[in-house]
Amino acid sequence: MRGMLSVVLLTIPLLFLSGCSEKVVDGNILQDRGGLVDLPNEESPFTGTSIKRHDGSEQKESEGNLKDGVEDGIWTVWHENGQKESEGNLKDGVRDGVWTVWRENGQKESEGNYKDGVRQ
């Protein structure tokens, strides 16, 4: 009985976590349909993380979150040499918050604050 209770107590959190896990997909397979992004053969807009890689490389090109088919949350873009190119927050698909841009050598080029897509 004690062993069975341990198994049940360990299984419940795993079931909860697996139900809450976020989808992470290759961003190159996502499709834009009328301003909403989804996976092929799925009817509902995509929610999860998109990761694109530079052509023929394992080096990330971009990574960010989508919520109900729209970019939402922190997005990061990298130069082909692996240095960050830009990073910032998107809210409902538009810049919102601090955005930073870097040159290929890693030197910061600019930084600005955005509200509803407009630089402040």
PDB file of N, CA and C in Angstrom:
ATOM      1  N   MET A   1       0.822  -1.197   0.000  1.00  0.00           N
ATOM      2  CA  MET A   1       0.000   0.000   0.000  1.00  0.00           C
ATOM      3  C   MET A   1       0.862   1.254   0.000  1.00  0.00           C
ATOM      4  N   ARG A   2       1.903   1.233   0.806  1.00  0.00           N
ATOM      5  CA  ARG A   2       2.775   2.396   0.909  1.00  0.00           C
ATOM      6  C   ARG A   2       3.473   2.673  -0.427  1.00  0.00           C
ATOM      7  N   GLY A   3       3.909   1.575  -1.102  1.00  0.00           N
ATOM      8  CA  GLY A   3       4.560   1.725  -2.402  1.00  0.00           C
ATOM      9  C   GLY A   3       3.616   2.303  -3.437  1.00  0.00           C
ATOM     10  N   MET A   4       2.373   1.859  -3.418  1.00  0.00           N
ATOM     11  CA  MET A   4       1.361   2.338  -4.350  1.00  0.00           C
ATOM     12  C   MET A   4       1.091   3.832  -4.129  1.00  0.00           C
ATOM     13  N   LEU A   5       1.032   4.252  -2.879  1.00  0.00           N
ATOM     14  CA  LEU A   5       0.817   5.659  -2.556  1.00  0.00           C
ATOM     15  C   LEU A   5       1.963   6.507  -3.091  1.00  0.00           C
ATOM     16  N   SER A   6       3.187   6.028  -2.972  1.00  0.00           N
ATOM     17  CA  SER A   6       4.352   6.760  -3.486  1.00  0.00           C
ATOM     18  C   SER A   6       4.265   6.920  -4.992  1.00  0.00           C
ATOM     19  N   VAL A   7       3.872   5.864  -5.686  1.00  0.00           N
ATOM     20  CA  VAL A   7       3.746   5.930  -7.142  1.00  0.00           C
ATOM     21  C   VAL A   7       2.681   6.953  -7.534  1.00  0.00           C
ATOM     22  N   VAL A   8       1.551   6.947  -6.865  1.00  0.00           N
ATOM     23  CA  VAL A   8       0.481   7.889  -7.163  1.00  0.00           C
ATOM     24  C   VAL A   8       0.935   9.316  -6.896  1.00  0.00           C
ATOM     25  N   LEU A   9       1.589   9.535  -5.779  1.00  0.00           N
ATOM     26  CA  LEU A   9       2.044  10.882  -5.434  1.00  0.00           C
ATOM     27  C   LEU A   9       3.097  11.393  -6.408  1.00  0.00           C
ATOM     28  N   LEU A  10       3.916  10.521  -6.953  1.00  0.00           N
ATOM     29  CA  LEU A  10       4.913  10.933  -7.938  1.00  0.00           C
ATOM     30  C   LEU A  10       4.294  11.133  -9.317  1.00  0.00           C
ATOM     31  N   THR A  11       3.261  10.391  -9.632  1.00  0.00           N
ATOM     32  CA  THR A  11       2.642  10.457 -10.949  1.00  0.00           C
ATOM     33  C   THR A  11       1.801  11.712 -11.138  1.00  0.00           C
ATOM     34  N   ILE A  12       1.103  12.138 -10.121  1.00  0.00           N
ATOM     35  CA  ILE A  12       0.215  13.297 -10.241  1.00  0.00           C
ATOM     36  C   ILE A  12       0.966  14.550 -10.704  1.00  0.00           C
ATOM     37  N   PRO A  13       2.109  14.914 -10.088  1.00  0.00           N
ATOM     38  CA  PRO A  13       2.819  16.103 -10.590  1.00  0.00           C
ATOM     39  C   PRO A  13       3.307  15.932 -12.023  1.00  0.00           C
ATOM     40  N   LEU A  14       3.712  14.737 -12.414  1.00  0.00           N
ATOM     41  CA  LEU A  14       4.172  14.513 -13.786  1.00  0.00           C
ATOM     42  C   LEU A  14       3.035  14.695 -14.780  1.00  0.00           C
ATOM     43  N   LEU A  15       1.861  14.208 -14.448  1.00  0.00           N
ATOM     44  CA  LEU A  15       0.706  14.411 -15.318  1.00  0.00           C
ATOM     45  C   LEU A  15       0.364  15.887 -15.441  1.00  0.00           C
ATOM     46  N   PHE A  16       0.428  16.591 -14.332  1.00  0.00           N
ATOM     47  CA  PHE A  16       0.142  18.024 -14.339  1.00  0.00           C
ATOM     48  C   PHE A  16       1.144  18.763 -15.219  1.00  0.00           C
ATOM     49  N   LEU A  17       2.431  18.461 -15.055  1.00  0.00           N
ATOM     50  CA  LEU A  17       3.466  19.143 -15.832  1.00  0.00           C
ATOM     51  C   LEU A  17       3.367  18.815 -17.311  1.00  0.00           C
ATOM     52  N   SER A  18       3.087  17.581 -17.649  1.00  0.00           N
ATOM     53  CA  SER A  18       2.982  17.222 -19.061  1.00  0.00           C
ATOM     54  C   SER A  18       1.783  17.907 -19.705  1.00  0.00           C
ATOM     55  N   GLY A  19       0.718  18.126 -18.959  1.00  0.00           N
ATOM     56  CA  GLY A  19      -0.454  18.818 -19.481  1.00  0.00           C
ATOM     57  C   GLY A  19      -0.212  20.291 -19.672  1.00  0.00           C
ATOM     58  N   CYS A  20       0.756  20.848 -18.968  1.00  0.00           N
ATOM     59  CA  CYS A  20       1.054  22.276 -19.049  1.00  0.00           C
ATOM     60  C   CYS A  20       2.232  22.573 -19.960  1.00  0.00           C
ATOM     61  N   SER A  21       2.832  21.539 -20.532  1.00  0.00           N
ATOM     62  CA  SER A  21       4.030  21.771 -21.325  1.00  0.00           C
ATOM     63  C   SER A  21       3.694  22.573 -22.568  1.00  0.00           C
ATOM     64  N   GLU A  22       4.612  23.406 -22.959  1.00  0.00           N
ATOM     65  CA  GLU A  22       4.432  24.290 -24.087  1.00  0.00           C
ATOM     66  C   GLU A  22       5.007  23.643 -25.328  1.00  0.00           C
ATOM     67  N   LYS A  23       4.362  23.856 -26.464  1.00  0.00           N
ATOM     68  CA  LYS A  23       4.880  23.350 -27.728  1.00  0.00           C
ATOM     69  C   LYS A  23       6.073  24.189 -28.151  1.00  0.00           C
ATOM     70  N   VAL A  24       7.118  23.510 -28.623  1.00  0.00           N
ATOM     71  CA  VAL A  24       8.275  24.172 -29.212  1.00  0.00           C
ATOM     72  C   VAL A  24       8.416  23.590 -30.612  1.00  0.00           C
ATOM     73  N   VAL A  25       8.373  24.463 -31.629  1.00  0.00           N
ATOM     74  CA  VAL A  25       8.395  23.982 -33.002  1.00  0.00           C
ATOM     75  C   VAL A  25       9.438  24.720 -33.838  1.00  0.00           C
ATOM     76  N   ASP A  26       9.789  24.096 -34.958  1.00  0.00           N
ATOM     77  CA  ASP A  26      10.633  24.719 -35.968  1.00  0.00           C
ATOM     78  C   ASP A  26       9.802  25.825 -36.615  1.00  0.00           C
ATOM     79  N   GLY A  27      10.222  27.059 -36.423  1.00  0.00           N
ATOM     80  CA  GLY A  27       9.462  28.199 -36.925  1.00  0.00           C
ATOM     81  C   GLY A  27       9.291  28.214 -38.427  1.00  0.00           C
ATOM     82  N   ASN A  28      10.143  27.474 -39.163  1.00  0.00           N
ATOM     83  CA  ASN A  28      10.028  27.438 -40.619  1.00  0.00           C
ATOM     84  C   ASN A  28       8.779  26.695 -41.084  1.00  0.00           C
ATOM     85  N   ILE A  29       8.192  25.858 -40.234  1.00  0.00           N
ATOM     86  CA  ILE A  29       6.997  25.125 -40.661  1.00  0.00           C
ATOM     87  C   ILE A  29       5.708  25.862 -40.321  1.00  0.00           C
ATOM     88  N   LEU A  30       5.798  26.915 -39.529  1.00  0.00           N
ATOM     89  CA  LEU A  30       4.599  27.679 -39.185  1.00  0.00           C
ATOM     90  C   LEU A  30       4.088  28.425 -40.410  1.00  0.00           C
ATOM     91  N   GLN A  31       2.768  28.560 -40.500  1.00  0.00           N
ATOM     92  CA  GLN A  31       2.146  29.225 -41.631  1.00  0.00           C
ATOM     93  C   GLN A  31       1.374  30.451 -41.166  1.00  0.00           C
ATOM     94  N   ASP A  32       1.495  31.533 -41.940  1.00  0.00           N
ATOM     95  CA  ASP A  32       0.736  32.748 -41.649  1.00  0.00           C
ATOM     96  C   ASP A  32      -0.542  32.696 -42.479  1.00  0.00           C
ATOM     97  N   ARG A  33      -1.670  32.701 -41.784  1.00  0.00           N
ATOM     98  CA  ARG A  33      -2.960  32.675 -42.469  1.00  0.00           C
ATOM     99  C   ARG A  33      -3.784  33.865 -42.004  1.00  0.00           C
ATOM    100  N   GLY A  34      -3.727  34.896 -42.804  1.00  0.00           N
ATOM    101  CA  GLY A  34      -4.528  36.082 -42.494  1.00  0.00           C
ATOM    102  C   GLY A  34      -4.102  36.792 -41.229  1.00  0.00           C
ATOM    103  N   GLY A  35      -2.798  36.797 -40.947  1.00  0.00           N
ATOM    104  CA  GLY A  35      -2.286  37.488 -39.768  1.00  0.00           C
ATOM    105  C   GLY A  35      -2.187  36.619 -38.529  1.00  0.00           C
ATOM    106  N   LEU A  36      -2.675  35.381 -38.596  1.00  0.00           N
ATOM    107  CA  LEU A  36      -2.533  34.440 -37.490  1.00  0.00           C
ATOM    108  C   LEU A  36      -1.639  33.285 -37.933  1.00  0.00           C
ATOM    109  N   VAL A  37      -0.790  32.825 -37.030  1.00  0.00           N
ATOM    110  CA  VAL A  37       0.158  31.767 -37.342  1.00  0.00           C
ATOM    111  C   VAL A  37      -0.372  30.443 -36.805  1.00  0.00           C
ATOM    112  N   ASP A  38      -0.243  29.400 -37.647  1.00  0.00           N
ATOM    113  CA  ASP A  38      -0.631  28.078 -37.182  1.00  0.00           C
ATOM    114  C   ASP A  38       0.284  27.015 -37.771  1.00  0.00           C
ATOM    115  N   LEU A  39       0.123  25.802 -37.285  1.00  0.00           N
ATOM    116  CA  LEU A  39       0.850  24.656 -37.813  1.00  0.00           C
ATOM    117  C   LEU A  39       0.084  24.086 -38.997  1.00  0.00           C
ATOM    118  N   PRO A  40       0.788  23.487 -39.963  1.00  0.00           N
ATOM    119  CA  PRO A  40       0.083  22.834 -41.066  1.00  0.00           C
ATOM    120  C   PRO A  40      -0.891  21.785 -40.530  1.00  0.00           C
ATOM    121  N   ASN A  41      -2.018  21.680 -41.152  1.00  0.00           N
ATOM    122  CA  ASN A  41      -3.044  20.688 -40.816  1.00  0.00           C
ATOM    123  C   ASN A  41      -3.689  20.899 -39.446  1.00  0.00           C
ATOM    124  N   GLU A  42      -3.541  22.076 -38.877  1.00  0.00           N
ATOM    125  CA  GLU A  42      -4.221  22.387 -37.621  1.00  0.00           C
ATOM    126  C   GLU A  42      -5.132  23.576 -37.865  1.00  0.00           C
ATOM    127  N   GLU A  43      -6.290  23.530 -37.272  1.00  0.00           N
ATOM    128  CA  GLU A  43      -7.271  24.580 -37.500  1.00  0.00           C
ATOM    129  C   GLU A  43      -7.156  25.758 -36.554  1.00  0.00           C
ATOM    130  N   SER A  44      -6.598  25.530 -35.376  1.00  0.00           N
ATOM    131  CA  SER A  44      -6.521  26.619 -34.405  1.00  0.00           C
ATOM    132  C   SER A  44      -5.159  27.302 -34.464  1.00  0.00           C
ATOM    133  N   PRO A  45      -5.116  28.597 -34.152  1.00  0.00           N
ATOM    134  CA  PRO A  45      -3.855  29.343 -34.145  1.00  0.00           C
ATOM    135  C   PRO A  45      -2.858  28.728 -33.162  1.00  0.00           C
ATOM    136  N   PHE A  46      -1.575  28.859 -33.478  1.00  0.00           N
ATOM    137  CA  PHE A  46      -0.500  28.246 -32.689  1.00  0.00           C
ATOM    138  C   PHE A  46      -0.212  29.033 -31.416  1.00  0.00           C
ATOM    139  N   THR A  47      -0.012  28.313 -30.324  1.00  0.00           N
ATOM    140  CA  THR A  47       0.479  28.870 -29.077  1.00  0.00           C
ATOM    141  C   THR A  47       1.676  28.048 -28.656  1.00  0.00           C
ATOM    142  N   GLY A  48       2.793  28.712 -28.435  1.00  0.00           N
ATOM    143  CA  GLY A  48       4.017  28.018 -28.039  1.00  0.00           C
ATOM    144  C   GLY A  48       5.235  28.813 -28.467  1.00  0.00           C
ATOM    145  N   THR A  49       6.370  28.120 -28.590  1.00  0.00           N
ATOM    146  CA  THR A  49       7.643  28.753 -28.935  1.00  0.00           C
ATOM    147  C   THR A  49       8.061  28.379 -30.344  1.00  0.00           C
ATOM    148  N   SER A  50       8.476  29.372 -31.096  1.00  0.00           N
ATOM    149  CA  SER A  50       8.992  29.189 -32.451  1.00  0.00           C
ATOM    150  C   SER A  50      10.505  29.379 -32.418  1.00  0.00           C
ATOM    151  N   ILE A  51      11.225  28.421 -32.998  1.00  0.00           N
ATOM    152  CA  ILE A  51      12.677  28.552 -33.128  1.00  0.00           C
ATOM    153  C   ILE A  51      13.043  28.338 -34.590  1.00  0.00           C
ATOM    154  N   LYS A  52      13.613  29.362 -35.206  1.00  0.00           N
ATOM    155  CA  LYS A  52      14.112  29.253 -36.584  1.00  0.00           C
ATOM    156  C   LYS A  52      15.632  29.184 -36.533  1.00  0.00           C
ATOM    157  N   ARG A  53      16.213  28.454 -37.475  1.00  0.00           N
ATOM    158  CA  ARG A  53      17.669  28.333 -37.580  1.00  0.00           C
ATOM    159  C   ARG A  53      18.117  28.905 -38.921  1.00  0.00           C
ATOM    160  N   HIS A  54      19.351  29.454 -38.925  1.00  0.00           N
ATOM    161  CA  HIS A  54      19.913  29.953 -40.182  1.00  0.00           C
ATOM    162  C   HIS A  54      20.046  28.786 -41.150  1.00  0.00           C
ATOM    163  N   ASP A  55      19.839  29.049 -42.441  1.00  0.00           N
ATOM    164  CA  ASP A  55      19.882  27.998 -43.464  1.00  0.00           C
ATOM    165  C   ASP A  55      21.149  27.154 -43.356  1.00  0.00           C
ATOM    166  N   GLY A  56      20.959  25.833 -43.328  1.00  0.00           N
ATOM    167  CA  GLY A  56      22.080  24.901 -43.321  1.00  0.00           C
ATOM    168  C   GLY A  56      22.927  24.942 -42.062  1.00  0.00           C
ATOM    169  N   SER A  57      22.353  25.428 -40.963  1.00  0.00           N
ATOM    170  CA  SER A  57      23.128  25.605 -39.736  1.00  0.00           C
ATOM    171  C   SER A  57      22.290  25.213 -38.530  1.00  0.00           C
ATOM    172  N   GLU A  58      22.966  24.921 -37.439  1.00  0.00           N
ATOM    173  CA  GLU A  58      22.285  24.710 -36.167  1.00  0.00           C
ATOM    174  C   GLU A  58      22.166  26.017 -35.392  1.00  0.00           C
ATOM    175  N   GLN A  59      22.779  27.091 -35.914  1.00  0.00           N
ATOM    176  CA  GLN A  59      22.756  28.396 -35.266  1.00  0.00           C
ATOM    177  C   GLN A  59      21.349  28.986 -35.326  1.00  0.00           C
ATOM    178  N   LYS A  60      20.836  29.402 -34.185  1.00  0.00           N
ATOM    179  CA  LYS A  60      19.507  30.006 -34.147  1.00  0.00           C
ATOM    180  C   LYS A  60      19.479  31.305 -34.939  1.00  0.00           C
ATOM    181  N   GLU A  61      18.373  31.501 -35.630  1.00  0.00           N
ATOM    182  CA  GLU A  61      18.105  32.760 -36.324  1.00  0.00           C
ATOM    183  C   GLU A  61      17.152  33.606 -35.489  1.00  0.00           C
ATOM    184  N   SER A  62      16.124  32.950 -34.921  1.00  0.00           N
ATOM    185  CA  SER A  62      15.177  33.664 -34.066  1.00  0.00           C
ATOM    186  C   SER A  62      14.502  32.688 -33.115  1.00  0.00           C
ATOM    187  N   GLU A  63      14.032  33.244 -32.001  1.00  0.00           N
ATOM    188  CA  GLU A  63      13.270  32.462 -31.032  1.00  0.00           C
ATOM    189  C   GLU A  63      12.306  33.388 -30.325  1.00  0.00           C
ATOM    190  N   GLY A  64      11.066  32.932 -30.213  1.00  0.00           N
ATOM    191  CA  GLY A  64      10.074  33.734 -29.519  1.00  0.00           C
ATOM    192  C   GLY A  64       8.779  32.978 -29.329  1.00  0.00           C
ATOM    193  N   ASN A  65       7.893  33.605 -28.598  1.00  0.00           N
ATOM    194  CA  ASN A  65       6.609  32.986 -28.253  1.00  0.00           C
ATOM    195  C   ASN A  65       5.485  33.537 -29.109  1.00  0.00           C
ATOM    196  N   LEU A  66       4.526  32.665 -29.327  1.00  0.00           N
ATOM    197  CA  LEU A  66       3.278  33.056 -29.978  1.00  0.00           C
ATOM    198  C   LEU A  66       2.136  32.657 -29.065  1.00  0.00           C
ATOM    199  N   LYS A  67       1.125  33.502 -29.026  1.00  0.00           N
ATOM    200  CA  LYS A  67      -0.072  33.227 -28.228  1.00  0.00           C
ATOM    201  C   LYS A  67      -1.269  33.394 -29.145  1.00  0.00           C
ATOM    202  N   ASP A  68      -2.019  32.326 -29.316  1.00  0.00           N
ATOM    203  CA  ASP A  68      -3.186  32.343 -30.203  1.00  0.00           C
ATOM    204  C   ASP A  68      -2.838  32.862 -31.589  1.00  0.00           C
ATOM    205  N   GLY A  69      -1.665  32.431 -32.107  1.00  0.00           N
ATOM    206  CA  GLY A  69      -1.265  32.761 -33.471  1.00  0.00           C
ATOM    207  C   GLY A  69      -0.599  34.105 -33.662  1.00  0.00           C
ATOM    208  N   VAL A  70      -0.326  34.835 -32.576  1.00  0.00           N
ATOM    209  CA  VAL A  70       0.270  36.176 -32.667  1.00  0.00           C
ATOM    210  C   VAL A  70       1.531  36.223 -31.805  1.00  0.00           C
ATOM    211  N   GLU A  71       2.582  36.877 -32.328  1.00  0.00           N
ATOM    212  CA  GLU A  71       3.825  37.021 -31.551  1.00  0.00           C
ATOM    213  C   GLU A  71       3.521  37.749 -30.254  1.00  0.00           C
ATOM    214  N   ASP A  72       3.969  37.155 -29.147  1.00  0.00           N
ATOM    215  CA  ASP A  72       3.649  37.721 -27.846  1.00  0.00           C
ATOM    216  C   ASP A  72       4.694  37.271 -26.840  1.00  0.00           C
ATOM    217  N   GLY A  73       5.444  38.209 -26.296  1.00  0.00           N
ATOM    218  CA  GLY A  73       6.502  37.880 -25.344  1.00  0.00           C
ATOM    219  C   GLY A  73       7.868  38.262 -25.886  1.00  0.00           C
ATOM    220  N   ILE A  74       8.895  37.755 -25.244  1.00  0.00           N
ATOM    221  CA  ILE A  74      10.277  38.086 -25.627  1.00  0.00           C
ATOM    222  C   ILE A  74      10.648  37.405 -26.942  1.00  0.00           C
ATOM    223  N   TRP A  75      11.190  38.179 -27.865  1.00  0.00           N
ATOM    224  CA  TRP A  75      11.701  37.658 -29.133  1.00  0.00           C
ATOM    225  C   TRP A  75      13.172  38.022 -29.258  1.00  0.00           C
ATOM    226  N   THR A  76      13.958  37.066 -29.705  1.00  0.00           N
ATOM    227  CA  THR A  76      15.388  37.270 -29.904  1.00  0.00           C
ATOM    228  C   THR A  76      15.753  36.854 -31.319  1.00  0.00           C
ATOM    229  N   VAL A  77      16.576  37.679 -31.983  1.00  0.00           N
ATOM    230  CA  VAL A  77      17.083  37.386 -33.330  1.00  0.00           C
ATOM    231  C   VAL A  77      18.598  37.417 -33.261  1.00  0.00           C
ATOM    232  N   TRP A  78      19.254  36.461 -33.956  1.00  0.00           N
ATOM    233  CA  TRP A  78      20.713  36.373 -33.958  1.00  0.00           C
ATOM    234  C   TRP A  78      21.272  36.578 -35.357  1.00  0.00           C
ATOM    235  N   HIS A  79      22.467  37.214 -35.403  1.00  0.00           N
ATOM    236  CA  HIS A  79      23.242  37.286 -36.640  1.00  0.00           C
ATOM    237  C   HIS A  79      23.729  35.874 -36.967  1.00  0.00           C
ATOM    238  N   GLU A  80      24.148  35.646 -38.217  1.00  0.00           N
ATOM    239  CA  GLU A  80      24.648  34.324 -38.616  1.00  0.00           C
ATOM    240  C   GLU A  80      25.883  33.902 -37.823  1.00  0.00           C
ATOM    241  N   ASN A  81      26.643  34.878 -37.287  1.00  0.00           N
ATOM    242  CA  ASN A  81      27.847  34.538 -36.523  1.00  0.00           C
ATOM    243  C   ASN A  81      27.536  34.173 -35.069  1.00  0.00           C
ATOM    244  N   GLY A  82      26.260  34.179 -34.699  1.00  0.00           N
ATOM    245  CA  GLY A  82      25.866  33.788 -33.349  1.00  0.00           C
ATOM    246  C   GLY A  82      25.669  34.942 -32.383  1.00  0.00           C
ATOM    247  N   GLN A  83      26.091  36.149 -32.774  1.00  0.00           N
ATOM    248  CA  GLN A  83      25.877  37.326 -31.927  1.00  0.00           C
ATOM    249  C   GLN A  83      24.403  37.735 -31.997  1.00  0.00           C
ATOM    250  N   LYS A  84      23.885  38.224 -30.878  1.00  0.00           N
ATOM    251  CA  LYS A  84      22.507  38.729 -30.894  1.00  0.00           C
ATOM    252  C   LYS A  84      22.395  39.892 -31.862  1.00  0.00           C
ATOM    253  N   GLU A  85      21.268  39.925 -32.570  1.00  0.00           N
ATOM    254  CA  GLU A  85      20.970  41.022 -33.485  1.00  0.00           C
ATOM    255  C   GLU A  85      19.957  41.978 -32.866  1.00  0.00           C
ATOM    256  N   SER A  86      18.919  41.406 -32.245  1.00  0.00           N
ATOM    257  CA  SER A  86      17.919  42.233 -31.579  1.00  0.00           C
ATOM    258  C   SER A  86      17.179  41.395 -30.545  1.00  0.00           C
ATOM    259  N   GLU A  87      16.605  42.111 -29.562  1.00  0.00           N
ATOM    260  CA  GLU A  87      15.830  41.428 -28.540  1.00  0.00           C
ATOM    261  C   GLU A  87      14.864  42.421 -27.925  1.00  0.00           C
ATOM    262  N   GLY A  88      13.642  41.949 -27.714  1.00  0.00           N
ATOM    263  CA  GLY A  88      12.651  42.795 -27.084  1.00  0.00           C
ATOM    264  C   GLY A  88      11.325  42.078 -26.931  1.00  0.00           C
ATOM    265  N   ASN A  89      10.373  42.783 -26.392  1.00  0.00           N
ATOM    266  CA  ASN A  89       9.061  42.227 -26.098  1.00  0.00           C
ATOM    267  C   ASN A  89       8.052  42.629 -27.175  1.00  0.00           C
ATOM    268  N   LEU A  90       7.238  41.644 -27.554  1.00  0.00           N
ATOM    269  CA  LEU A  90       6.117  41.907 -28.452  1.00  0.00           C
ATOM    270  C   LEU A  90       4.827  41.640 -27.695  1.00  0.00           C
ATOM    271  N   LYS A  91       3.874  42.515 -27.878  1.00  0.00           N
ATOM    272  CA  LYS A  91       2.559  42.342 -27.263  1.00  0.00           C
ATOM    273  C   LYS A  91       1.534  42.418 -28.387  1.00  0.00           C
ATOM    274  N   ASP A  92       0.809  41.340 -28.577  1.00  0.00           N
ATOM    275  CA  ASP A  92      -0.164  41.267 -29.669  1.00  0.00           C
ATOM    276  C   ASP A  92       0.473  41.599 -31.013  1.00  0.00           C
ATOM    277  N   GLY A  93       1.721  41.151 -31.214  1.00  0.00           N
ATOM    278  CA  GLY A  93       2.389  41.299 -32.498  1.00  0.00           C
ATOM    279  C   GLY A  93       3.119  42.602 -32.733  1.00  0.00           C
ATOM    280  N   VAL A  94       3.092  43.534 -31.777  1.00  0.00           N
ATOM    281  CA  VAL A  94       3.798  44.814 -31.954  1.00  0.00           C
ATOM    282  C   VAL A  94       4.778  45.042 -30.800  1.00  0.00           C
ATOM    283  N   ARG A  95       5.812  45.814 -31.081  1.00  0.00           N
ATOM    284  CA  ARG A  95       6.822  46.096 -30.056  1.00  0.00           C
ATOM    285  C   ARG A  95       6.190  46.808 -28.870  1.00  0.00           C
ATOM    286  N   ASP A  96       6.581  46.346 -27.680  1.00  0.00           N
ATOM    287  CA  ASP A  96       6.053  46.931 -26.463  1.00  0.00           C
ATOM    288  C   ASP A  96       7.072  46.711 -25.358  1.00  0.00           C
ATOM    289  N   GLY A  97       7.744  47.771 -24.949  1.00  0.00           N
ATOM    290  CA  GLY A  97       8.800  47.652 -23.951  1.00  0.00           C
ATOM    291  C   GLY A  97      10.154  47.976 -24.561  1.00  0.00           C
ATOM    292  N   VAL A  98      11.209  47.579 -23.900  1.00  0.00           N
ATOM    293  CA  VAL A  98      12.567  47.894 -24.343  1.00  0.00           C
ATOM    294  C   VAL A  98      12.995  46.946 -25.462  1.00  0.00           C
ATOM    295  N   TRP A  99      13.526  47.532 -26.542  1.00  0.00           N
ATOM    296  CA  TRP A  99      14.115  46.767 -27.648  1.00  0.00           C
ATOM    297  C   TRP A  99      15.562  47.183 -27.805  1.00  0.00           C
ATOM    298  N   THR A 100      16.414  46.190 -27.958  1.00  0.00           N
ATOM    299  CA  THR A 100      17.849  46.438 -28.116  1.00  0.00           C
ATOM    300  C   THR A 100      18.306  45.820 -29.428  1.00  0.00           C
ATOM    301  N   VAL A 101      19.186  46.549 -30.135  1.00  0.00           N
ATOM    302  CA  VAL A 101      19.756  46.087 -31.406  1.00  0.00           C
ATOM    303  C   VAL A 101      21.276  46.103 -31.283  1.00  0.00           C
ATOM    304  N   TRP A 102      21.925  45.018 -31.770  1.00  0.00           N
ATOM    305  CA  TRP A 102      23.376  44.900 -31.731  1.00  0.00           C
ATOM    306  C   TRP A 102      23.943  44.723 -33.135  1.00  0.00           C
ATOM    307  N   ARG A 103      25.182  45.179 -33.322  1.00  0.00           N
ATOM    308  CA  ARG A 103      25.914  44.946 -34.573  1.00  0.00           C
ATOM    309  C   ARG A 103      26.464  43.529 -34.573  1.00  0.00           C
ATOM    310  N   GLU A 104      26.953  43.081 -35.732  1.00  0.00           N
ATOM    311  CA  GLU A 104      27.501  41.723 -35.842  1.00  0.00           C
ATOM    312  C   GLU A 104      28.683  41.478 -34.919  1.00  0.00           C
ATOM    313  N   ASN A 105      29.403  42.541 -34.555  1.00  0.00           N
ATOM    314  CA  ASN A 105      30.555  42.374 -33.662  1.00  0.00           C
ATOM    315  C   ASN A 105      30.143  42.348 -32.186  1.00  0.00           C
ATOM    316  N   GLY A 106      28.847  42.434 -31.920  1.00  0.00           N
ATOM    317  CA  GLY A 106      28.349  42.388 -30.547  1.00  0.00           C
ATOM    318  C   GLY A 106      28.181  43.748 -29.897  1.00  0.00           C
ATOM    319  N   GLN A 107      28.609  44.804 -30.565  1.00  0.00           N
ATOM    320  CA  GLN A 107      28.484  46.149 -30.013  1.00  0.00           C
ATOM    321  C   GLN A 107      27.027  46.615 -30.092  1.00  0.00           C
ATOM    322  N   LYS A 108      26.542  47.190 -29.003  1.00  0.00           N
ATOM    323  CA  LYS A 108      25.165  47.690 -28.983  1.00  0.00           C
ATOM    324  C   LYS A 108      25.032  48.843 -29.964  1.00  0.00           C
ATOM    325  N   GLU A 109      24.027  48.740 -30.821  1.00  0.00           N
ATOM    326  CA  GLU A 109      23.777  49.767 -31.823  1.00  0.00           C
ATOM    327  C   GLU A 109      22.725  50.763 -31.337  1.00  0.00           C
ATOM    328  N   SER A 110      21.658  50.246 -30.752  1.00  0.00           N
ATOM    329  CA  SER A 110      20.603  51.145 -30.279  1.00  0.00           C
ATOM    330  C   SER A 110      19.727  50.428 -29.255  1.00  0.00           C
ATOM    331  N   GLU A 111      19.012  51.249 -28.506  1.00  0.00           N
ATOM    332  CA  GLU A 111      18.059  50.729 -27.539  1.00  0.00           C
ATOM    333  C   GLU A 111      16.935  51.743 -27.444  1.00  0.00           C
ATOM    334  N   GLY A 112      15.719  51.240 -27.450  1.00  0.00           N
ATOM    335  CA  GLY A 112      14.579  52.148 -27.362  1.00  0.00           C
ATOM    336  C   GLY A 112      13.407  51.514 -26.652  1.00  0.00           C
ATOM    337  N   ASN A 113      12.559  52.365 -26.148  1.00  0.00           N
ATOM    338  CA  ASN A 113      11.366  51.908 -25.461  1.00  0.00           C
ATOM    339  C   ASN A 113      10.161  52.106 -26.391  1.00  0.00           C
ATOM    340  N   TYR A 114       9.319  51.098 -26.458  1.00  0.00           N
ATOM    341  CA  TYR A 114       8.144  51.130 -27.341  1.00  0.00           C
ATOM    342  C   TYR A 114       6.877  50.939 -26.540  1.00  0.00           C
ATOM    343  N   LYS A 115       5.831  51.578 -27.014  1.00  0.00           N
ATOM    344  CA  LYS A 115       4.508  51.401 -26.436  1.00  0.00           C
ATOM    345  C   LYS A 115       3.542  51.239 -27.605  1.00  0.00           C
ATOM    346  N   ASP A 116       2.884  50.093 -27.660  1.00  0.00           N
ATOM    347  CA  ASP A 116       1.939  49.805 -28.747  1.00  0.00           C
ATOM    348  C   ASP A 116       2.563  49.992 -30.124  1.00  0.00           C
ATOM    349  N   GLY A 117       3.846  49.605 -30.262  1.00  0.00           N
ATOM    350  CA  GLY A 117       4.531  49.669 -31.542  1.00  0.00           C
ATOM    351  C   GLY A 117       5.167  50.999 -31.877  1.00  0.00           C
ATOM    352  N   VAL A 118       4.995  52.005 -31.022  1.00  0.00           N
ATOM    353  CA  VAL A 118       5.530  53.336 -31.290  1.00  0.00           C
ATOM    354  C   VAL A 118       6.692  53.605 -30.362  1.00  0.00           C
ATOM    355  N   ARG A 119       7.818  54.051 -30.949  1.00  0.00           N
ATOM    356  CA  ARG A 119       8.989  54.372 -30.120  1.00  0.00           C
ATOM    357  C   ARG A 119       8.721  55.621 -29.303  1.00  0.00           C
ATOM    358  N   GLN A 120       9.021  55.542 -28.025  1.00  0.00           N
ATOM    359  CA  GLN A 120       8.745  56.654 -27.111  1.00  0.00           C
ATOM    360  C   GLN A 120       9.925  57.614 -27.050  1.00  0.00           C
TER     361      GLN A 120
END
